Amino acid sequence: MKKYKVILLLVIASLSLNSCSEDKMDEINKNVNDPLDVPTRFAITDAMTSTAFSNTGSDLSFYTGVYVELNAGGFGQMYNAETRNGEPKNQTTNNNSWNSIYQTMYNLKLIINKCTTGEEKGNYETLGVAQVLYAYNLALLTDMFGDVPFTEAFQPGVIFTPKLDRQEDLYKIVFATLEDAIVNLGKTSGYENLGSQDLIYNGDTDSWTKAANGLLARYTLRLSFKNPNYAKVLDYVSKSFTSNGEEFKMKNSNIPNPYYQFYVARKYLFASKSLHDKLTAKNDPRADGYFKKIKKTPTATPTYEFYANGVSPQSQTYSYSALQNVNNPIFMLSYHELLFIKAEAEARNSAAVTSTASLIAAVNAAFNKDEAINFSTANATNYIDALNITTNADLLKEIAVQKYLAFYENESVEAYNDYRRLLAMYGSAAANPIQLANPLNATQFPLRLPYGDSDVSANSNVKAAFGDGNYVYTEKVWWAGGTR
């Protein structure tokens, strides 16, 4: 009998424990180092970091830099990109970037919702910042991949195969989101200023507003083949940066520059002969400053060894960038880019414009950009004057080329976007002011990047659009004259 009483007491104790301590057990099992919900001031920091490092500065920049020949892919996966060996059209090529952009946008959407209708309603500073980053990432996504899932995306467990939205419609959302951001950044918020949680502007909403206007200028110019509005571009420029100290960039001692990291880890990217030839043809002072000499043998005299784009053999014995530095910024929108946007908009707005003043200002900013090496001793006025630009058409072509040269090495995504836009505006590769050397471009220039494997494998809509991947060589994105 005593035995059964003991068993009965144990059963009662067990029932009592299960009935009254389930909430306690949930609390005990909660991982405090992996919270499901955090204040937006902390979540926004992660979104800034992923936007700059993972989305802007890494794989997308490495690959597009090879395609537009700011860099040359001399080894490994970059050599495959250089020689069009699978990399440009494989669904696995840009899967990491594809996933990262979507994850960043999902996190930003949560922040926006929380600051709009959720528990932090009225947190206008964080809301405005999140909207700038959201619009930037959406533009990055559709610029690289064209039509993509969006309006039906970000609904896990509800919609498993979201449809693809047209790039034309996505750009309307980009503009609307940036305009909303500017309004919200101008409101008074009762919440604590982001301060040091803001790794880009340290909680300065005026700077975020200038960045939003700069992005509006960029994206308005981006649509110049479809819907030119150069007066509007200039209006946005007038409300944006006035110096390189206001640039939209990530520069933080705890966040290493991706190009530096990639070189240290892989040594896959080298000095492009195509780029060097363009510089030397203009007696450009950057012809030497951009590159490092190397020794072919331990006792040899250091020399330049340039990779002939699409032609040279796979090797790790080529010259490389002289700009590489762990502390270099990751540019989302630079001051020199803004000035080149201004120069082009002025020249396109009136065929009577032949003055090189705005071009000189842009080149001077490019000579003095925020990287490990600057070219402050070079005289931008003398440099441009020596090119003897006398017509509006020549001015426009030189603006395009100088902007391209200024994008070396870590603004490759925008160089790629510009090349494709100009391809549409000038009608052919032969007429494009930016001339590329890789002979494979005749039939295999990547007009867009392939969708990521995660969705090609799981979403029938994306799989159908992907096909066999060859569309990257034949289908232009909408703003460059395509249909998707």
Protein backbone atom coordinates (compact mmCIF):
# COMPACT_ATOMS: atom_id res chain seq x y z
CA MET A 1 0.00 0.00 0.00
CA LYS A 2 2.82 2.34 0.87
CA LYS A 3 4.32 1.68 -2.58
CA TYR A 4 1.10 2.76 -4.36
CA LYS A 5 0.86 5.93 -2.23
CA VAL A 6 4.36 6.92 -3.36
CA ILE A 7 3.46 6.34 -7.01
CA LEU A 8 0.23 8.32 -6.61
CA LEU A 9 2.09 11.25 -5.06
CA LEU A 10 4.60 11.25 -7.93
CA VAL A 11 1.80 11.27 -10.51
CA ILE A 12 0.04 14.16 -8.74
CA ALA A 13 3.30 16.08 -8.49
CA SER A 14 3.96 15.52 -12.18
CA LEU A 15 0.46 16.69 -13.15
CA SER A 16 0.82 19.70 -10.91
CA LEU A 17 4.18 20.62 -12.48
CA ASN A 18 2.82 20.32 -16.03
CA SER A 19 -0.35 22.28 -15.28
CA CYS A 20 1.14 25.24 -13.47
CA SER A 21 4.60 25.73 -14.96
CA GLU A 22 4.20 25.64 -18.75
CA ASP A 23 4.67 29.41 -18.96
CA LYS A 24 7.66 29.14 -16.67
CA MET A 25 9.17 26.43 -18.85
CA ASP A 26 8.66 28.62 -21.94
CA GLU A 27 10.51 31.38 -20.19
CA ILE A 28 13.33 29.04 -19.19
CA ASN A 29 13.63 27.70 -22.75
CA LYS A 30 13.76 31.15 -24.32
CA ASN A 31 17.14 31.96 -25.90
CA VAL A 32 17.89 35.48 -24.68
CA ASN A 33 20.70 35.71 -27.21
CA ASP A 34 18.30 35.18 -30.12
CA PRO A 35 15.23 37.30 -29.39
CA LEU A 36 12.21 37.14 -31.69
CA ASP A 37 11.41 40.81 -31.18
CA VAL A 38 13.80 43.72 -30.58
CA PRO A 39 13.43 47.50 -30.47
CA THR A 40 13.74 48.99 -33.95
CA ARG A 41 16.77 51.08 -32.96
CA PHE A 42 18.77 47.86 -32.71
CA ALA A 43 17.23 46.09 -35.71
CA ILE A 44 17.96 49.06 -37.97
CA THR A 45 21.69 48.76 -37.27
CA ASP A 46 21.73 45.23 -38.62
CA ALA A 47 19.77 46.34 -41.69
CA MET A 48 22.33 49.07 -42.41
CA THR A 49 25.21 46.63 -42.12
CA SER A 50 23.67 43.98 -44.36
CA THR A 51 22.68 46.62 -46.92
CA ALA A 52 26.23 47.91 -47.22
CA PHE A 53 28.41 44.87 -46.68
CA SER A 54 26.36 41.92 -47.91
CA ASN A 55 24.15 43.51 -50.57
CA THR A 56 26.07 46.42 -52.08
CA GLY A 57 29.73 45.74 -51.49
CA SER A 58 30.21 42.00 -51.94
CA ASP A 59 29.24 39.48 -54.64
CA LEU A 60 27.11 41.81 -56.76
CA SER A 61 29.96 44.31 -56.89
CA PHE A 62 32.59 41.65 -57.60
CA TYR A 63 30.68 40.11 -60.51
CA THR A 64 29.44 43.32 -62.12
CA GLY A 65 32.94 44.79 -61.84
CA VAL A 66 34.19 41.94 -64.01
CA TYR A 67 31.37 42.35 -66.54
CA VAL A 68 32.10 46.07 -67.05
CA GLU A 69 35.87 45.53 -66.81
CA LEU A 70 36.66 47.73 -63.85
CA ASN A 71 38.31 44.57 -62.58
CA ALA A 72 39.43 41.38 -64.29
CA GLY A 73 38.57 37.92 -63.05
CA GLY A 74 41.88 36.14 -63.10
CA PHE A 75 41.19 33.13 -60.92
CA GLY A 76 38.48 30.85 -59.50
CA GLN A 77 34.87 31.89 -59.72
CA MET A 78 35.83 35.33 -61.03
CA TYR A 79 37.73 33.68 -63.88
CA ASN A 80 34.57 31.73 -64.67
CA ALA A 81 32.69 35.05 -64.77
CA GLU A 82 35.41 36.57 -66.96
CA THR A 83 35.27 33.69 -69.45
CA ARG A 84 31.48 33.23 -69.19
CA ASN A 85 32.00 29.73 -67.92
CA GLY A 86 28.67 29.05 -66.21
CA GLU A 87 28.89 31.87 -63.66
CA PRO A 88 26.87 34.56 -65.44
CA LYS A 89 23.81 32.35 -65.97
CA ASN A 90 23.89 29.78 -63.16
CA GLN A 91 21.12 30.11 -60.57
CA THR A 92 23.64 29.51 -57.80
CA THR A 93 25.93 32.40 -58.82
CA ASN A 94 24.10 35.19 -57.01
CA ASN A 95 22.00 33.14 -54.61
CA ASN A 96 23.71 34.59 -51.53
CA SER A 97 23.00 38.15 -52.65
CA TRP A 98 19.44 37.25 -53.66
CA ASN A 99 18.71 35.78 -50.23
CA SER A 100 20.46 38.57 -48.36
CA ILE A 101 18.55 41.36 -50.10
CA TYR A 102 15.23 39.67 -49.42
CA GLN A 103 16.13 39.02 -45.78
CA THR A 104 17.22 42.64 -45.35
CA MET A 105 13.99 43.90 -46.91
CA TYR A 106 11.91 41.57 -44.74
CA ASN A 107 13.58 42.92 -41.61
CA LEU A 108 13.09 46.50 -42.82
CA LYS A 109 9.43 45.76 -43.53
CA LEU A 110 9.01 44.63 -39.91
CA ILE A 111 10.62 47.87 -38.72
CA ILE A 112 8.40 49.97 -41.00
CA ASN A 113 5.27 48.18 -39.81
CA LYS A 114 6.23 48.57 -36.16
CA CYS A 115 6.90 52.30 -36.60
CA THR A 116 3.74 52.86 -38.65
CA THR A 117 0.95 50.92 -36.95
CA GLY A 118 2.75 48.86 -34.32
CA GLU A 119 4.08 49.41 -30.84
CA GLU A 120 6.51 52.13 -31.96
CA LYS A 121 3.97 54.14 -33.93
CA GLY A 122 5.28 57.69 -34.26
CA ASN A 123 8.96 56.72 -34.30
CA TYR A 124 9.43 58.84 -37.41
CA GLU A 125 13.23 58.93 -37.43
CA THR A 126 13.65 55.16 -37.55
CA LEU A 127 10.71 54.88 -39.93
CA GLY A 128 12.28 57.34 -42.38
CA VAL A 129 15.67 55.66 -42.22
CA ALA A 130 14.09 52.24 -42.76
CA GLN A 131 12.19 53.54 -45.78
CA VAL A 132 15.36 54.91 -47.38
CA LEU A 133 17.09 51.56 -46.91
CA TYR A 134 14.00 49.65 -48.09
CA ALA A 135 13.75 51.68 -51.29
CA TYR A 136 17.50 51.34 -51.89
CA ASN A 137 17.40 47.56 -51.51
CA LEU A 138 14.33 47.22 -53.72
CA ALA A 139 16.01 49.26 -56.45
CA LEU A 140 19.17 47.17 -56.08
CA LEU A 141 17.14 43.97 -56.37
CA THR A 142 15.22 44.94 -59.50
CA ASP A 143 18.21 46.67 -61.14
CA MET A 144 20.15 43.43 -60.93
CA PHE A 145 17.40 40.89 -61.60
CA GLY A 146 14.55 42.73 -63.38
CA ASP A 147 11.01 41.53 -62.59
CA VAL A 148 11.06 39.93 -59.12
CA PRO A 149 8.61 38.72 -56.48
CA PHE A 150 7.57 41.61 -54.25
CA THR A 151 3.89 42.38 -53.57
CA GLU A 152 3.17 38.74 -52.69
CA ALA A 153 6.55 38.16 -51.04
CA PHE A 154 7.38 38.45 -47.32
CA GLN A 155 4.40 36.27 -46.35
CA PRO A 156 5.94 33.03 -45.08
CA GLY A 157 3.40 30.30 -44.51
CA VAL A 158 0.74 32.23 -46.43
CA ILE A 159 1.97 32.62 -50.04
CA PHE A 160 4.55 30.02 -51.00
CA THR A 161 5.05 30.93 -54.67
CA PRO A 162 4.72 34.72 -54.98
CA LYS A 163 4.24 36.16 -58.45
CA LEU A 164 6.84 38.33 -60.17
CA ASP A 165 6.12 42.07 -60.23
CA ARG A 166 7.06 44.19 -63.23
CA GLN A 167 10.11 46.40 -62.86
CA GLU A 168 8.12 49.41 -64.03
CA ASP A 169 5.75 48.97 -61.08
CA LEU A 170 8.58 48.30 -58.64
CA TYR A 171 10.23 51.59 -59.59
CA LYS A 172 7.00 53.41 -58.73
CA ILE A 173 7.24 51.88 -55.26
CA VAL A 174 10.90 52.94 -54.97
CA PHE A 175 10.02 56.57 -55.70
CA ALA A 176 6.97 56.59 -53.44
CA THR A 177 8.90 55.04 -50.55
CA LEU A 178 11.72 57.60 -50.81
CA GLU A 179 9.23 60.48 -50.93
CA ASP A 180 7.49 59.07 -47.82
CA ALA A 181 10.87 58.76 -46.13
CA ILE A 182 11.64 62.44 -46.70
CA VAL A 183 8.28 63.41 -45.14
CA ASN A 184 8.83 61.21 -42.09
CA LEU A 185 12.42 62.34 -41.60
CA GLY A 186 11.10 65.89 -41.36
CA LYS A 187 8.69 65.09 -38.52
CA THR A 188 9.36 65.42 -34.81
CA SER A 189 9.67 62.08 -33.05
CA GLY A 190 9.17 61.45 -29.37
CA TYR A 191 11.52 58.49 -29.50
CA GLU A 192 15.21 58.47 -28.61
CA ASN A 193 17.53 59.54 -31.42
CA LEU A 194 19.33 56.63 -33.09
CA GLY A 195 22.73 58.13 -32.29
CA SER A 196 25.49 55.53 -32.43
CA GLN A 197 23.04 52.82 -33.54
CA ASP A 198 23.08 54.65 -36.87
CA LEU A 199 26.37 53.51 -38.40
CA ILE A 200 25.93 55.74 -41.44
CA TYR A 201 24.83 59.18 -40.19
CA ASN A 202 24.87 58.90 -36.39
CA GLY A 203 21.22 59.87 -36.11
CA ASP A 204 21.41 62.95 -38.35
CA THR A 205 18.03 63.03 -40.11
CA ASP A 206 19.07 65.92 -42.36
CA SER A 207 21.80 63.72 -43.82
CA TRP A 208 19.34 60.89 -44.40
CA THR A 209 17.07 63.36 -46.21
CA LYS A 210 19.95 64.40 -48.45
CA ALA A 211 20.69 60.75 -49.17
CA ALA A 212 17.04 60.15 -50.11
CA ASN A 213 17.11 63.11 -52.51
CA GLY A 214 20.37 61.87 -54.01
CA LEU A 215 18.84 58.44 -54.61
CA LEU A 216 15.80 60.07 -56.22
CA ALA A 217 18.19 61.91 -58.56
CA ARG A 218 19.98 58.64 -59.43
CA TYR A 219 16.79 56.68 -60.07
CA THR A 220 15.17 59.48 -62.08
CA LEU A 221 18.25 59.54 -64.34
CA ARG A 222 18.12 55.73 -64.46
CA LEU A 223 14.76 56.01 -66.23
CA SER A 224 16.05 58.49 -68.81
CA PHE A 225 15.60 56.02 -71.67
CA LYS A 226 11.99 55.34 -70.69
CA ASN A 227 10.91 58.63 -69.14
CA PRO A 228 13.49 61.44 -69.27
CA ASN A 229 13.02 64.27 -66.76
CA TYR A 230 16.34 66.04 -66.36
CA ALA A 231 14.91 69.12 -64.67
CA LYS A 232 13.60 66.86 -61.91
CA VAL A 233 17.02 65.20 -61.61
CA LEU A 234 18.61 68.60 -61.06
CA ASP A 235 15.99 69.53 -58.47
CA TYR A 236 16.76 66.41 -56.47
CA VAL A 237 20.51 67.05 -56.79
CA SER A 238 20.07 70.55 -55.36
CA LYS A 239 18.62 69.02 -52.20
CA SER A 240 21.36 66.43 -51.75
CA PHE A 241 25.07 66.33 -50.79
CA THR A 242 27.31 69.37 -50.84
CA SER A 243 30.54 67.54 -49.94
CA ASN A 244 31.95 64.03 -49.63
CA GLY A 245 31.41 64.25 -45.88
CA GLU A 246 27.68 63.77 -46.51
CA GLU A 247 27.93 60.68 -48.73
CA PHE A 248 25.66 57.68 -48.29
CA LYS A 249 28.32 55.18 -47.32
CA MET A 250 29.34 52.71 -44.65
CA LYS A 251 32.69 53.40 -43.09
CA ASN A 252 33.22 51.71 -39.76
CA SER A 253 36.36 50.24 -38.23
CA ASN A 254 34.39 47.13 -37.23
CA ILE A 255 33.12 46.50 -40.76
CA PRO A 256 36.00 45.64 -43.14
CA ASN A 257 35.82 46.70 -46.77
CA PRO A 258 34.58 43.70 -48.83
CA TYR A 259 37.11 44.19 -51.65
CA TYR A 260 39.94 44.09 -49.16
CA GLN A 261 38.47 40.98 -47.52
CA PHE A 262 37.96 39.27 -50.87
CA TYR A 263 41.52 39.93 -51.96
CA VAL A 264 43.00 38.67 -48.68
CA ALA A 265 40.82 35.56 -48.69
CA ARG A 266 40.78 34.64 -52.40
CA LYS A 267 43.02 36.75 -54.69
CA TYR A 268 40.58 36.38 -57.59
CA LEU A 269 40.32 39.98 -58.91
CA PHE A 270 43.15 41.69 -60.79
CA ALA A 271 44.02 44.81 -62.79
CA SER A 272 41.96 45.13 -65.95
CA LYS A 273 43.89 45.94 -69.13
CA SER A 274 40.73 47.46 -70.56
CA LEU A 275 40.52 49.97 -67.70
CA HIS A 276 44.23 50.77 -67.80
CA ASP A 277 44.12 51.38 -71.56
CA LYS A 278 41.32 53.92 -71.09
CA LEU A 279 43.32 55.77 -68.46
CA THR A 280 46.59 55.87 -70.39
CA ALA A 281 44.83 57.02 -73.56
CA LYS A 282 43.77 60.15 -71.68
CA ASN A 283 47.07 60.65 -69.81
CA ASP A 284 44.99 60.17 -66.70
CA PRO A 285 46.93 60.56 -63.42
CA ARG A 286 45.11 57.51 -62.05
CA ALA A 287 46.78 55.20 -64.58
CA ASP A 288 49.51 54.45 -62.06
CA GLY A 289 47.74 55.27 -58.81
CA TYR A 290 45.00 52.70 -59.31
CA PHE A 291 47.31 49.66 -59.57
CA LYS A 292 50.14 47.80 -57.86
CA LYS A 293 53.28 46.58 -59.57
CA ILE A 294 54.25 42.98 -58.85
CA LYS A 295 57.38 40.83 -58.99
CA LYS A 296 57.18 37.88 -61.33
CA THR A 297 60.07 36.32 -59.41
CA PRO A 298 61.54 37.18 -56.00
CA THR A 299 64.53 38.96 -57.57
CA ALA A 300 62.73 40.61 -60.50
CA THR A 301 62.03 44.33 -60.84
CA PRO A 302 58.36 45.09 -60.04
CA THR A 303 56.28 45.68 -63.17
CA TYR A 304 52.64 46.05 -64.13
CA GLU A 305 51.01 42.83 -65.30
CA PHE A 306 47.53 43.56 -66.64
CA TYR A 307 44.92 40.92 -67.38
CA ALA A 308 43.67 41.09 -70.99
CA ASN A 309 39.93 40.86 -70.46
CA GLY A 310 38.48 37.53 -71.52
CA VAL A 311 41.79 36.45 -73.05
CA SER A 312 44.59 36.00 -70.50
CA PRO A 313 45.02 32.58 -68.87
CA GLN A 314 43.89 31.81 -65.36
CA SER A 315 46.59 32.85 -62.91
CA GLN A 316 47.18 34.75 -59.69
CA THR A 317 50.26 36.57 -61.02
CA TYR A 318 48.69 39.81 -62.24
CA SER A 319 48.76 43.31 -60.82
CA TYR A 320 45.96 44.21 -58.45
CA SER A 321 44.27 47.27 -57.00
CA ALA A 322 46.33 49.90 -55.18
CA LEU A 323 43.17 51.23 -53.51
CA GLN A 324 42.59 48.21 -51.29
CA ASN A 325 42.37 49.06 -47.62
CA VAL A 326 40.42 47.44 -44.82
CA ASN A 327 39.02 50.84 -43.81
CA ASN A 328 37.81 51.94 -47.24
CA PRO A 329 34.15 53.02 -47.34
CA ILE A 330 31.37 51.01 -48.95
CA PHE A 331 29.59 53.52 -51.18
CA MET A 332 25.82 53.38 -51.60
CA LEU A 333 25.84 56.86 -53.19
CA SER A 334 29.02 58.91 -53.42
CA TYR A 335 29.44 62.66 -53.78
CA HIS A 336 31.32 62.23 -57.05
CA GLU A 337 28.49 60.11 -58.47
CA LEU A 338 26.00 62.84 -57.52
CA LEU A 339 28.10 65.46 -59.33
CA PHE A 340 28.33 63.29 -62.44
CA ILE A 341 24.54 62.88 -62.32
CA LYS A 342 24.26 66.66 -62.18
CA ALA A 343 26.66 67.13 -65.09
CA GLU A 344 24.81 64.64 -67.30
CA ALA A 345 21.36 66.05 -66.45
CA GLU A 346 22.52 69.58 -67.32
CA ALA A 347 23.98 68.46 -70.64
CA ARG A 348 20.94 66.38 -71.59
CA ASN A 349 18.49 69.06 -70.46
CA SER A 350 19.82 71.43 -73.13
CA ALA A 351 21.78 70.64 -76.28
CA ALA A 352 23.30 74.13 -75.99
CA VAL A 353 25.33 73.11 -72.93
CA THR A 354 29.01 72.69 -73.76
CA SER A 355 30.55 74.04 -70.56
CA THR A 356 32.78 71.57 -68.76
CA ALA A 357 32.45 73.28 -65.36
CA SER A 358 30.20 70.62 -63.81
CA LEU A 359 32.29 67.82 -65.31
CA ILE A 360 35.44 69.36 -63.80
CA ALA A 361 33.76 69.56 -60.37
CA ALA A 362 32.78 65.89 -60.63
CA VAL A 363 36.26 64.79 -61.70
CA ASN A 364 37.83 66.83 -58.90
CA ALA A 365 35.55 65.07 -56.40
CA ALA A 366 36.54 61.74 -57.92
CA PHE A 367 40.24 62.60 -57.61
CA ASN A 368 39.67 63.27 -53.91
CA LYS A 369 37.28 60.48 -53.03
CA ASP A 370 37.38 58.88 -49.62
CA GLU A 371 39.69 55.91 -50.12
CA ALA A 372 43.18 54.86 -49.15
CA ILE A 373 44.78 56.77 -52.03
CA ASN A 374 43.64 60.13 -53.36
CA PHE A 375 44.70 62.17 -56.36
CA SER A 376 44.61 65.63 -54.84
CA THR A 377 47.80 66.66 -56.65
CA ALA A 378 46.13 66.13 -60.03
CA ASN A 379 44.58 69.24 -61.54
CA ALA A 380 41.09 68.36 -62.74
CA THR A 381 40.75 71.54 -64.78
CA ASN A 382 43.94 70.97 -66.77
CA TYR A 383 43.06 67.31 -67.22
CA ILE A 384 39.62 68.02 -68.70
CA ASP A 385 40.80 71.04 -70.70
CA ALA A 386 43.38 68.84 -72.40
CA LEU A 387 40.55 66.65 -73.74
CA ASN A 388 39.34 69.60 -75.86
CA ILE A 389 35.59 69.09 -75.46
CA THR A 390 33.68 71.52 -77.70
CA THR A 391 30.28 69.94 -78.46
CA ASN A 392 27.36 68.80 -76.34
CA ALA A 393 27.62 65.28 -77.75
CA ASP A 394 31.31 65.04 -76.85
CA LEU A 395 30.58 66.43 -73.39
CA LEU A 396 27.94 63.78 -72.74
CA LYS A 397 30.28 61.01 -73.84
CA GLU A 398 33.11 62.28 -71.64
CA ILE A 399 30.80 62.58 -68.62
CA ALA A 400 29.88 58.91 -69.09
CA VAL A 401 33.51 57.81 -69.39
CA GLN A 402 34.76 59.90 -66.46
CA LYS A 403 31.94 58.64 -64.26
CA TYR A 404 32.91 55.09 -65.18
CA LEU A 405 36.57 55.72 -64.35
CA ALA A 406 35.62 57.25 -61.00
CA PHE A 407 33.68 54.12 -60.00
CA TYR A 408 36.85 52.02 -59.67
CA GLU A 409 36.93 49.85 -57.68
CA ASN A 410 34.02 49.43 -55.35
CA GLU A 411 31.13 51.17 -57.15
CA SER A 412 30.86 48.51 -59.83
CA VAL A 413 27.11 47.99 -59.46
CA GLU A 414 26.44 51.56 -60.57
CA ALA A 415 28.96 51.28 -63.41
CA TYR A 416 27.06 48.19 -64.58
CA ASN A 417 23.73 50.02 -64.34
CA ASP A 418 25.12 52.98 -66.27
CA TYR A 419 26.60 50.82 -69.01
CA ARG A 420 23.24 49.10 -69.61
CA ARG A 421 21.34 52.40 -69.54
CA LEU A 422 23.75 53.96 -72.04
CA LEU A 423 23.53 50.84 -74.20
CA ALA A 424 19.81 51.55 -74.54
CA MET A 425 20.24 55.30 -75.06
CA TYR A 426 22.97 55.03 -77.72
CA GLY A 427 21.44 52.00 -79.39
CA SER A 428 24.40 49.65 -79.58
CA ALA A 429 27.59 48.54 -77.89
CA ALA A 430 29.60 50.13 -80.70
CA ALA A 431 28.06 53.56 -80.00
CA ASN A 432 28.25 53.28 -76.20
CA PRO A 433 30.73 55.83 -74.78
CA ILE A 434 32.10 53.06 -72.54
CA GLN A 435 33.91 50.57 -74.74
CA LEU A 436 34.54 47.09 -73.37
CA ALA A 437 37.27 44.77 -74.59
CA ASN A 438 36.20 41.23 -73.73
CA PRO A 439 35.58 39.51 -77.12
CA LEU A 440 32.95 37.29 -75.51
CA ASN A 441 30.69 40.34 -75.12
CA ALA A 442 29.66 40.01 -78.77
CA THR A 443 27.27 37.24 -77.78
CA GLN A 444 27.63 36.85 -74.02
CA PHE A 445 27.42 40.18 -72.27
CA PRO A 446 25.25 39.67 -69.16
CA LEU A 447 22.34 42.09 -69.58
CA ARG A 448 21.07 41.14 -66.12
CA LEU A 449 21.91 38.71 -63.32
CA PRO A 450 20.26 35.29 -62.90
CA TYR A 451 17.60 34.68 -60.27
CA GLY A 452 18.74 33.01 -57.06
CA ASP A 453 18.61 29.25 -56.65
CA SER A 454 16.42 29.47 -53.53
CA ASP A 455 13.49 30.70 -55.62
CA VAL A 456 14.32 29.01 -58.91
CA SER A 457 14.09 25.73 -57.00
CA ALA A 458 11.06 26.55 -54.85
CA ASN A 459 8.93 29.07 -56.76
CA SER A 460 7.39 27.89 -60.03
CA ASN A 461 6.92 31.49 -61.17
CA VAL A 462 10.62 32.25 -60.82
CA LYS A 463 11.57 28.88 -62.31
CA ALA A 464 9.50 29.61 -65.43
CA ALA A 465 11.10 33.05 -65.81
CA PHE A 466 14.58 31.57 -65.34
CA GLY A 467 14.25 28.82 -67.94
CA ASP A 468 17.72 27.54 -68.78
CA GLY A 469 19.43 30.76 -67.67
CA ASN A 470 20.39 31.92 -71.16
CA TYR A 471 17.96 34.83 -70.85
CA VAL A 472 20.71 36.78 -69.06
CA TYR A 473 22.36 37.27 -72.47
CA THR A 474 19.22 38.20 -74.40
CA GLU A 475 16.70 39.90 -72.07
CA LYS A 476 17.31 43.53 -71.11
CA VAL A 477 15.72 44.87 -67.95
CA TRP A 478 12.75 47.20 -68.49
CA TRP A 479 14.53 50.53 -67.92
CA ALA A 480 17.22 49.49 -70.44
CA GLY A 481 14.69 48.77 -73.18
CA GLY A 482 13.53 45.27 -72.24
CA THR A 483 10.19 43.93 -71.16
CA ARG A 484 11.10 42.40 -67.80
